[in-house]
Amino acid sequence: MKHIVSLSGGTASAVVGDLVIKKYGRDNITLYFMDTNWEDKDLYRFLNDLESYWEKDIVKLKDGRTPLQVGEDVKFILNNRVRQCSFQLKIKPFTDMIKKHSKPVTIHLGLDWSEEHRMEAPKKNYEAIEGVSVDYPLTWKPIPTKKYSEIVESWGIEIPRLYKMGFPHNNCGGRCVAQGKGEWRRLKRMFPERFEEVAEWEDKMRKELPKAKDKSILKDVTLKELARVGQDQMDMFEGVAEDSFGCFCAY
């Protein structure tokens, strides 16, 4: 039996990688990272540190497009309800790789007991491929009691800088289309040029695509409109510096 670990670039999937390596041995495991070509530079430093710690290479798969380029190709404003970027840049290349991989193989994903509602779909879809099974190491007993960031730091590895800035994820350089208003405001404060890039893209798509003139990344406000909301009105949306959702190779 061979094993595949899907690494998102965050602390939760790093803990998954470590659990699987310790249980099955590094020679029976392949580590994969799906690169959106839009990541924070410190994510790559984090992956390099993990490679050194595990003494094992991480295979990077890359479509070559950024999420915004995917949106332009499908003529659709990416949003937190329909994430074509996740499908095109992560799920599809990961699934294509699995279909070609030698069988039997177990795929290990970084969902824990708090995300049981998300486990059924990837298990059903990946196990529809003959010879494939899906497992969730963060549910193995004993269940980790420390925060995933604390576990990673105990290995002597610095956690990704986005966590230290307050982001609850390490996806797409803080620009994940699945995130809420508070995280977009955080992005505006921490990386104003990144916020402006996406806000301009959203505005351009609304003007160029007839069916998108009343659409936006967020459900009820454009990013340019959000930028004008007072900070005193946004404090309620702030998150915490820990994985609270993920964009990974799951349906």
Protein backbone atom coordinates (compact mmCIF):
# COMPACT_ATOMS: atom_id res chain seq x y z
CA MET A 1 0.00 0.00 0.00
CA LYS A 2 1.28 3.44 -0.99
CA HIS A 3 0.24 6.71 0.59
CA ILE A 4 -0.29 10.25 -0.71
CA VAL A 5 -0.41 13.34 1.49
CA SER A 6 -2.01 16.51 0.16
CA LEU A 7 -0.15 19.52 1.58
CA SER A 8 -1.91 22.89 1.45
CA GLY A 9 1.01 24.94 2.73
CA GLY A 10 -0.69 25.36 6.11
CA THR A 11 0.02 23.96 9.55
CA ALA A 12 -2.83 21.42 9.63
CA SER A 13 -1.67 19.56 6.53
CA ALA A 14 1.92 19.71 7.79
CA VAL A 15 0.82 17.85 10.92
CA VAL A 16 -0.93 15.32 8.65
CA GLY A 17 2.31 14.79 6.74
CA ASP A 18 4.21 14.16 9.94
CA LEU A 19 1.62 11.72 11.29
CA VAL A 20 1.60 9.70 8.07
CA ILE A 21 5.39 9.61 7.80
CA LYS A 22 5.70 8.37 11.38
CA LYS A 23 3.04 5.70 10.87
CA TYR A 24 3.96 4.38 7.43
CA GLY A 25 7.58 5.45 6.85
CA ARG A 26 8.82 8.06 4.40
CA ASP A 27 9.63 5.52 1.67
CA ASN A 28 5.96 4.56 1.28
CA ILE A 29 4.69 8.14 1.01
CA THR A 30 4.54 10.84 -1.64
CA LEU A 31 3.96 14.43 -0.54
CA TYR A 32 2.14 16.70 -2.99
CA PHE A 33 1.60 20.45 -3.05
CA MET A 34 -0.67 22.07 -5.65
CA ASP A 35 0.78 25.49 -6.45
CA THR A 36 -1.70 28.22 -7.42
CA ASN A 37 1.14 30.45 -8.65
CA TRP A 38 -0.28 33.11 -6.31
CA GLU A 39 1.19 32.12 -2.96
CA ASP A 40 3.00 34.17 -0.35
CA LYS A 41 6.77 33.77 -0.68
CA ASP A 42 7.01 32.53 2.90
CA LEU A 43 4.86 29.52 2.03
CA TYR A 44 7.73 28.20 -0.10
CA ARG A 45 10.15 28.78 2.77
CA PHE A 46 7.80 26.75 4.96
CA LEU A 47 7.72 23.90 2.44
CA ASN A 48 11.52 23.93 2.21
CA ASP A 49 11.76 23.71 6.00
CA LEU A 50 9.38 20.75 6.00
CA GLU A 51 11.47 18.99 3.35
CA SER A 52 14.57 19.42 5.51
CA TYR A 53 12.78 18.25 8.65
CA TRP A 54 11.30 15.15 6.99
CA GLU A 55 14.34 14.57 4.77
CA LYS A 56 11.95 14.08 1.88
CA ASP A 57 11.09 16.08 -1.23
CA ILE A 58 7.64 17.56 -1.76
CA VAL A 59 6.31 17.17 -5.31
CA LYS A 60 4.92 20.47 -6.61
CA LEU A 61 2.17 20.38 -9.22
CA LYS A 62 1.40 23.60 -11.07
CA ASP A 63 -1.19 24.44 -13.73
CA GLY A 64 0.70 27.68 -14.38
CA ARG A 65 -2.26 30.04 -14.07
CA THR A 66 -3.22 32.21 -11.12
CA PRO A 67 -6.79 32.15 -9.76
CA LEU A 68 -7.52 35.45 -11.54
CA GLN A 69 -6.40 33.96 -14.84
CA VAL A 70 -8.71 31.01 -14.24
CA GLY A 71 -11.57 33.45 -13.66
CA GLU A 72 -10.82 35.17 -16.95
CA ASP A 73 -10.67 31.85 -18.79
CA VAL A 74 -14.04 30.68 -17.47
CA LYS A 75 -15.50 34.21 -17.75
CA PHE A 76 -16.66 34.18 -14.17
CA ILE A 77 -16.02 36.25 -11.05
CA LEU A 78 -14.54 33.83 -8.55
CA ASN A 79 -16.39 33.93 -5.25
CA ASN A 80 -16.83 32.21 -1.92
CA ARG A 81 -19.75 30.14 -3.22
CA VAL A 82 -18.29 28.81 -6.48
CA ARG A 83 -14.52 28.32 -6.47
CA GLN A 84 -13.46 27.40 -9.98
CA CYS A 85 -9.89 28.34 -9.06
CA SER A 86 -9.73 25.58 -6.44
CA PHE A 87 -11.13 23.05 -8.89
CA GLN A 88 -8.91 24.03 -11.82
CA LEU A 89 -5.66 24.61 -9.92
CA LYS A 90 -5.91 22.02 -7.13
CA ILE A 91 -8.59 19.37 -7.46
CA LYS A 92 -8.19 18.65 -11.19
CA PRO A 93 -4.37 18.23 -11.30
CA PHE A 94 -4.48 16.26 -8.04
CA THR A 95 -7.19 13.94 -9.40
CA ASP A 96 -5.36 13.49 -12.71
CA MET A 97 -2.24 12.50 -10.79
CA ILE A 98 -4.16 10.00 -8.63
CA LYS A 99 -5.66 8.30 -11.66
CA LYS A 100 -2.14 7.65 -13.02
CA HIS A 101 -0.67 6.65 -9.65
CA SER A 102 0.05 3.00 -8.88
CA LYS A 103 -2.69 1.30 -6.85
CA PRO A 104 -3.70 0.56 -4.15
CA VAL A 105 -3.10 3.98 -2.62
CA THR A 106 -4.49 5.91 0.35
CA ILE A 107 -4.95 9.68 0.16
CA HIS A 108 -4.51 11.56 3.42
CA LEU A 109 -6.29 14.91 3.78
CA GLY A 110 -6.05 17.61 6.46
CA LEU A 111 -9.56 17.74 7.91
CA ASP A 112 -10.15 17.17 11.62
CA TRP A 113 -13.11 16.38 13.88
CA SER A 114 -14.38 19.97 13.62
CA GLU A 115 -14.78 19.58 9.84
CA GLU A 116 -16.62 16.25 9.66
CA HIS A 117 -19.25 17.90 7.47
CA ARG A 118 -16.61 18.31 4.76
CA MET A 119 -15.30 14.73 4.79
CA GLU A 120 -18.02 12.88 2.91
CA ALA A 121 -17.59 14.50 -0.52
CA PRO A 122 -13.83 13.97 -1.04
CA LYS A 123 -14.07 10.43 0.32
CA LYS A 124 -16.89 9.61 -2.10
CA ASN A 125 -15.26 11.21 -5.13
CA TYR A 126 -11.72 9.93 -4.68
CA GLU A 127 -12.80 6.44 -3.66
CA ALA A 128 -14.82 6.25 -6.89
CA ILE A 129 -11.40 5.74 -8.50
CA GLU A 130 -10.57 2.03 -8.33
CA GLY A 131 -7.86 1.19 -5.81
CA VAL A 132 -8.10 4.50 -3.93
CA SER A 133 -9.04 5.02 -0.28
CA VAL A 134 -9.22 8.24 1.76
CA ASP A 135 -8.16 8.81 5.36
CA TYR A 136 -8.11 11.75 7.79
CA PRO A 137 -5.07 11.46 10.09
CA LEU A 138 -6.15 14.41 12.26
CA THR A 139 -8.94 12.15 13.53
CA TRP A 140 -6.53 9.38 14.53
CA LYS A 141 -6.24 8.71 18.24
CA PRO A 142 -4.73 10.19 20.25
CA ILE A 143 -6.19 13.35 18.73
CA PRO A 144 -3.72 16.30 18.86
CA THR A 145 -4.48 18.54 21.82
CA LYS A 146 -2.12 21.37 20.87
CA LYS A 147 -2.76 23.90 18.13
CA TYR A 148 -1.27 22.79 14.85
CA SER A 149 0.96 25.88 14.84
CA GLU A 150 2.37 24.88 18.23
CA ILE A 151 3.09 21.36 17.01
CA VAL A 152 4.96 22.72 13.98
CA GLU A 153 6.96 25.10 16.17
CA SER A 154 7.93 22.16 18.41
CA TRP A 155 9.77 20.74 15.38
CA GLY A 156 11.91 23.87 15.30
CA ILE A 157 10.09 25.22 12.22
CA GLU A 158 8.76 28.78 12.05
CA ILE A 159 5.10 28.91 11.10
CA PRO A 160 4.10 30.79 7.91
CA ARG A 161 4.14 34.54 8.39
CA LEU A 162 0.49 34.97 7.35
CA TYR A 163 -0.55 33.28 10.60
CA LYS A 164 1.53 35.77 12.55
CA MET A 165 -0.28 38.56 10.75
CA GLY A 166 -3.60 37.16 11.91
CA PHE A 167 -4.73 35.31 8.78
CA PRO A 168 -6.56 32.05 9.57
CA HIS A 169 -5.07 30.37 6.51
CA ASN A 170 -1.97 30.32 4.33
CA ASN A 171 -3.69 30.19 0.94
CA CYS A 172 -3.02 32.37 -2.10
CA GLY A 173 -1.03 35.00 -0.24
CA GLY A 174 -4.04 36.00 1.86
CA ARG A 175 -6.25 36.49 -1.22
CA CYS A 176 -8.38 33.34 -1.02
CA VAL A 177 -11.78 33.95 -2.62
CA ALA A 178 -13.37 31.73 0.05
CA GLN A 179 -12.48 34.10 2.87
CA GLY A 180 -14.84 36.59 4.48
CA LYS A 181 -14.95 40.36 4.82
CA GLY A 182 -12.66 40.52 7.84
CA GLU A 183 -9.86 38.73 6.02
CA TRP A 184 -10.18 40.95 2.96
CA ARG A 185 -9.88 43.96 5.26
CA ARG A 186 -6.86 42.34 6.89
CA LEU A 187 -5.35 41.86 3.44
CA LYS A 188 -5.95 45.54 2.68
CA ARG A 189 -4.03 46.53 5.82
CA MET A 190 -1.18 44.04 5.48
CA PHE A 191 -0.80 43.85 1.70
CA PRO A 192 -2.63 46.81 0.14
CA GLU A 193 -1.16 46.10 -3.30
CA ARG A 194 -2.61 42.57 -3.24
CA PHE A 195 -6.02 43.84 -2.20
CA GLU A 196 -5.95 46.50 -4.90
CA GLU A 197 -4.99 43.95 -7.57
CA VAL A 198 -8.03 41.78 -6.81
CA ALA A 199 -10.38 44.76 -6.36
CA GLU A 200 -9.35 46.12 -9.78
CA TRP A 201 -9.77 42.66 -11.34
CA GLU A 202 -13.25 42.31 -9.87
CA ASP A 203 -14.22 45.77 -11.13
CA LYS A 204 -12.85 45.00 -14.61
CA MET A 205 -14.78 41.72 -14.82
CA ARG A 206 -18.02 43.46 -13.76
CA LYS A 207 -17.56 45.97 -16.57
CA GLU A 208 -16.46 43.51 -19.28
CA LEU A 209 -18.81 40.58 -18.65
CA PRO A 210 -22.53 41.36 -19.15
CA LYS A 211 -23.59 38.52 -16.83
CA ALA A 212 -21.21 39.71 -14.12
CA LYS A 213 -22.24 43.34 -13.81
CA ASP A 214 -24.01 42.67 -10.50
CA LYS A 215 -21.70 39.89 -9.27
CA SER A 216 -18.86 40.07 -6.75
CA ILE A 217 -16.39 37.90 -4.86
CA LEU A 218 -18.23 38.52 -1.60
CA LYS A 219 -21.96 37.93 -1.46
CA ASP A 220 -23.28 41.44 -0.86
CA VAL A 221 -20.45 43.89 -1.46
CA THR A 222 -17.63 44.52 -3.91
CA LEU A 223 -14.08 44.84 -2.68
CA LYS A 224 -13.98 48.51 -3.63
CA GLU A 225 -17.13 49.08 -1.59
CA LEU A 226 -15.68 47.08 1.29
CA ALA A 227 -12.58 49.27 1.27
CA ARG A 228 -14.78 52.25 2.12
CA VAL A 229 -16.37 50.62 5.18
CA GLY A 230 -15.10 52.07 8.46
CA GLN A 231 -12.84 49.91 10.59
CA ASP A 232 -15.17 50.30 13.56
CA GLN A 233 -17.80 48.47 11.54
CA MET A 234 -15.43 45.64 10.59
CA ASP A 235 -13.99 44.52 13.93
CA MET A 236 -16.70 41.89 14.28
CA PHE A 237 -15.37 40.07 11.22
CA GLU A 238 -11.79 39.57 12.43
CA GLY A 239 -10.61 35.96 12.71
CA VAL A 240 -7.83 34.25 14.63
CA ALA A 241 -4.40 33.12 13.50
CA GLU A 242 -5.17 29.45 13.01
CA ASP A 243 -6.59 27.29 10.19
CA SER A 244 -10.34 27.83 10.17
CA PHE A 245 -10.95 26.74 6.60
CA GLY A 246 -8.81 25.49 3.80
CA CYS A 247 -8.53 25.47 0.04
CA PHE A 248 -7.10 22.06 -0.66
CA CYS A 249 -7.55 19.03 -2.90
CA ALA A 250 -11.04 18.18 -1.74
CA TYR A 251 -14.38 18.40 -3.46
